[in-house]
């Protein structure tokens, strides 16, 4: 059985569990509010951020739709999203559920959560943009927690044009 199949929540303190959940809540709020420059602050300096289809993740293939290796590339992604994206105005909402620590590892926690992203545009009803799961490494940093690795595993191979925004 791999490390992600057994919850480790009983082995960590409530303070740690709530701290990790707070990280996911703040992360989602920053994205929902379009604060992409703040989004960068949720990562360690050497973090890896990936958006990849389920098929690639399940086969351990390195190909990703978005791949950022280090905070510099994550900052570039935020800059690009803010400064160069031309798109019809929209509201995005991230719904994150089932946040659970799957394993305690050297220097951090393996955490998995489900996500659903919906968008609402002025001339259309609300629609689902993407569903999937986060498979992350979270580390304690200062008074809180940060992502050392964030892998966004989407359930589909089809991506809308709004995927320019972080997931």
Protein backbone atom coordinates (compact mmCIF):
# COMPACT_ATOMS: atom_id res chain seq x y z
CA UNK A 1 0.00 0.00 0.00
CA UNK A 2 1.47 3.40 -0.91
CA UNK A 3 1.92 6.32 1.51
CA UNK A 4 -1.09 8.19 0.15
CA UNK A 5 -3.58 5.41 0.83
CA UNK A 6 -3.59 5.51 4.64
CA UNK A 7 -4.71 8.66 6.47
CA UNK A 8 -2.23 9.86 9.08
CA UNK A 9 -4.58 12.33 10.74
CA UNK A 10 -4.55 10.50 14.08
CA UNK A 11 -0.78 10.96 14.30
CA UNK A 12 -0.83 14.76 14.06
CA UNK A 13 -2.09 17.44 16.41
CA UNK A 14 -5.34 19.31 15.93
CA UNK A 15 -3.28 22.50 15.64
CA UNK A 16 -1.41 21.01 12.66
CA UNK A 17 -4.60 19.73 11.03
CA UNK A 18 -6.29 23.11 11.38
CA UNK A 19 -3.16 24.89 10.18
CA UNK A 20 -3.06 22.78 7.02
CA UNK A 21 -6.79 23.31 6.43
CA UNK A 22 -6.27 27.06 6.91
CA UNK A 23 -3.56 26.96 4.21
CA UNK A 24 -6.01 25.42 1.72
CA UNK A 25 -8.73 27.91 2.66
CA UNK A 26 -6.41 30.92 2.26
CA UNK A 27 -5.02 29.52 -1.00
CA UNK A 28 -8.53 29.15 -2.43
CA UNK A 29 -9.57 32.63 -1.25
CA UNK A 30 -6.56 34.23 -2.95
CA UNK A 31 -7.42 32.54 -6.24
CA UNK A 32 -11.15 33.31 -5.96
CA UNK A 33 -10.36 36.97 -5.33
CA UNK A 34 -7.88 37.17 -8.20
CA UNK A 35 -4.95 37.92 -5.87
CA UNK A 36 -2.43 36.01 -7.98
CA UNK A 37 0.59 37.84 -6.61
CA UNK A 38 -0.51 36.78 -3.12
CA UNK A 39 -0.88 33.23 -4.47
CA UNK A 40 2.91 33.10 -4.79
CA UNK A 41 3.30 33.50 -1.02
CA UNK A 42 1.77 30.06 -0.39
CA UNK A 43 4.89 28.30 -1.75
CA UNK A 44 8.39 27.60 -0.49
CA UNK A 45 11.32 28.99 -2.49
CA UNK A 46 12.04 25.61 -4.08
CA UNK A 47 8.41 24.55 -4.55
CA UNK A 48 7.16 22.66 -7.58
CA UNK A 49 3.70 23.47 -8.97
CA UNK A 50 2.08 21.25 -11.60
CA UNK A 51 -1.26 20.92 -13.32
CA UNK A 52 -1.49 17.52 -14.94
CA UNK A 53 -4.23 15.24 -16.25
CA UNK A 54 -5.18 12.19 -14.19
CA UNK A 55 -3.95 9.84 -16.91
CA UNK A 56 -0.43 11.29 -16.80
CA UNK A 57 -0.35 11.34 -12.99
CA UNK A 58 -1.58 7.74 -12.71
CA UNK A 59 1.12 6.60 -15.15
CA UNK A 60 3.80 8.69 -13.40
CA UNK A 61 4.42 10.65 -16.60
CA UNK A 62 6.16 14.02 -16.13
CA UNK A 63 4.12 15.86 -18.78
CA UNK A 64 2.09 18.70 -17.29
CA UNK A 65 -0.20 21.39 -18.69
CA UNK A 66 1.46 23.89 -16.33
CA UNK A 67 4.84 23.23 -14.71
CA UNK A 68 6.69 25.62 -12.40
CA UNK A 69 9.95 24.57 -10.79
CA UNK A 70 10.78 27.04 -8.02
CA UNK A 71 9.22 30.21 -6.74
CA UNK A 72 10.66 32.26 -9.60
CA UNK A 73 8.63 30.30 -12.15
CA UNK A 74 5.57 30.51 -9.88
CA UNK A 75 6.04 34.30 -9.73
CA UNK A 76 6.28 34.38 -13.55
CA UNK A 77 3.01 32.46 -13.76
CA UNK A 78 1.32 34.97 -11.44
CA UNK A 79 2.73 37.91 -13.42
CA UNK A 80 1.58 36.40 -16.70
CA UNK A 81 -1.89 35.76 -15.33
CA UNK A 82 -2.23 39.34 -14.08
CA UNK A 83 -0.45 41.33 -16.77
CA UNK A 84 -0.80 39.53 -20.06
CA UNK A 85 -4.02 37.55 -19.98
CA UNK A 86 -6.79 38.98 -22.12
CA UNK A 87 -10.06 37.27 -21.29
CA UNK A 88 -13.68 38.06 -20.74
CA UNK A 89 -14.31 38.97 -17.09
CA UNK A 90 -15.27 36.02 -14.95
CA UNK A 91 -15.59 34.98 -11.33
CA UNK A 92 -13.91 31.76 -10.31
CA UNK A 93 -14.76 29.80 -7.16
CA UNK A 94 -12.68 26.96 -5.76
CA UNK A 95 -14.41 24.37 -3.60
CA UNK A 96 -11.89 22.27 -1.69
CA UNK A 97 -13.06 19.25 0.31
CA UNK A 98 -11.66 16.21 2.01
CA UNK A 99 -8.36 17.80 3.07
CA UNK A 100 -6.47 14.95 4.67
CA UNK A 101 -2.93 14.21 5.74
CA UNK A 102 -2.01 10.93 4.10
CA UNK A 103 1.52 10.56 5.45
CA UNK A 104 4.04 12.26 7.66
CA UNK A 105 7.35 12.50 5.84
CA UNK A 106 10.72 14.02 6.62
CA UNK A 107 10.19 17.74 6.76
CA UNK A 108 6.48 17.76 6.01
CA UNK A 109 3.17 16.15 5.29
CA UNK A 110 1.72 14.46 2.24
CA UNK A 111 -1.75 15.96 1.89
CA UNK A 112 -4.54 15.21 -0.54
CA UNK A 113 -7.78 17.14 -1.17
CA UNK A 114 -10.52 17.27 -3.78
CA UNK A 115 -11.23 20.42 -5.76
CA UNK A 116 -14.02 21.73 -7.95
CA UNK A 117 -13.67 25.02 -9.82
CA UNK A 118 -16.67 26.85 -11.24
CA UNK A 119 -16.82 30.07 -13.21
CA UNK A 120 -19.52 32.63 -13.75
CA UNK A 121 -19.38 35.06 -16.64
CA UNK A 122 -21.62 38.09 -17.16
CA UNK A 123 -23.40 36.64 -20.19
CA UNK A 124 -23.63 32.99 -19.10
CA UNK A 125 -24.69 30.87 -16.19
CA UNK A 126 -22.29 29.26 -13.79
CA UNK A 127 -20.40 26.30 -15.23
CA UNK A 128 -17.91 23.76 -14.02
CA UNK A 129 -14.38 24.52 -15.18
CA UNK A 130 -12.50 21.63 -13.65
CA UNK A 131 -12.60 18.92 -11.01
CA UNK A 132 -9.80 16.87 -9.58
CA UNK A 133 -7.56 16.46 -6.60
CA UNK A 134 -4.55 18.11 -5.07
CA UNK A 135 -1.65 15.83 -4.16
CA UNK A 136 0.67 18.05 -2.14
CA UNK A 137 3.65 18.24 0.15
CA UNK A 138 3.01 20.75 2.93
CA UNK A 139 5.76 21.95 5.26
CA UNK A 140 5.73 23.95 8.47
CA UNK A 141 7.20 27.39 7.90
CA UNK A 142 7.38 30.14 10.51
CA UNK A 143 3.98 30.47 12.16
CA UNK A 144 2.13 28.53 9.46
CA UNK A 145 2.39 26.14 6.55
CA UNK A 146 3.46 26.37 2.90
CA UNK A 147 3.32 24.16 -0.16
CA UNK A 148 6.65 22.56 -1.06
CA UNK A 149 4.92 20.69 -3.88
CA UNK A 150 1.46 21.25 -5.31
CA UNK A 151 0.24 18.81 -7.92
CA UNK A 152 -3.19 19.60 -9.33
CA UNK A 153 -4.50 16.41 -10.89
CA UNK A 154 -7.44 17.17 -13.16
CA UNK A 155 -10.05 14.56 -13.95
CA UNK A 156 -10.14 15.46 -17.65
CA UNK A 157 -7.88 15.93 -20.64
CA UNK A 158 -10.04 18.80 -21.91
CA UNK A 159 -9.12 22.23 -20.58
CA UNK A 160 -11.03 25.48 -21.00
CA UNK A 161 -9.21 28.62 -22.03
CA UNK A 162 -9.56 29.94 -18.46
CA UNK A 163 -6.93 27.45 -17.31
CA UNK A 164 -4.39 30.27 -17.60
CA UNK A 165 -5.30 31.08 -13.99
CA UNK A 166 -3.71 28.91 -11.31
CA UNK A 167 -5.72 25.93 -10.08
